[in-house]
Amino acid sequence: MEKYGDVVSLYEGQKSHEKKTIILSVILIVIAGVFVGANIIRISPLLVFGLTMSIAIFYAVKKKRISKNYDKLYHFLKKTRPEDFKNKELMFYMDYRLNQQFAENPEQLVSYLKSKEVAPEFLEMLDKLKSSYDLLVKEGDN
């Protein structure tokens, strides 16, 4: 079992990554705007802005700390467990742990998250994750 500090540091790293991605995007847009405005080289502004946003998207995708199933988990929790949905740190922890638990069979996780009928074993798994998160929070407060 991890320590609360490990989970918090992973979550803070994700939040930091989001901020860095926004800052990088703004800087690249400003640089592209200055380059296009200076008209140094005759080139399509659409091409310049497309290139800069491609760089920003590449950075965002390569450095992300959430799994590719995070959006599915987001919608699943929003629909079935709104009290857990409001706690972003808990959502991050659930995503992290589910990604580890279903590393062997990620299709199973996707099927749980996309199914119309909520599987009781999956809800039980989420309850265990929530209780382990609460335990980590309680230990972290001490």
Foldseek 3Di string as FASTA:
>chain_A
DDALVVLVVLVVQQVVLVVVLVVQLVVQVVVLVVCVVVPPDDDDSVVSNVVSVVVSVVSSVVPHDFDPCLVLLLVQCVVPPVVQNVDVSLSRQVRVVVCVVCVVPVVVVVCCSPPPDHDPVVVVVSVVSVVVSVVSVVVVVD
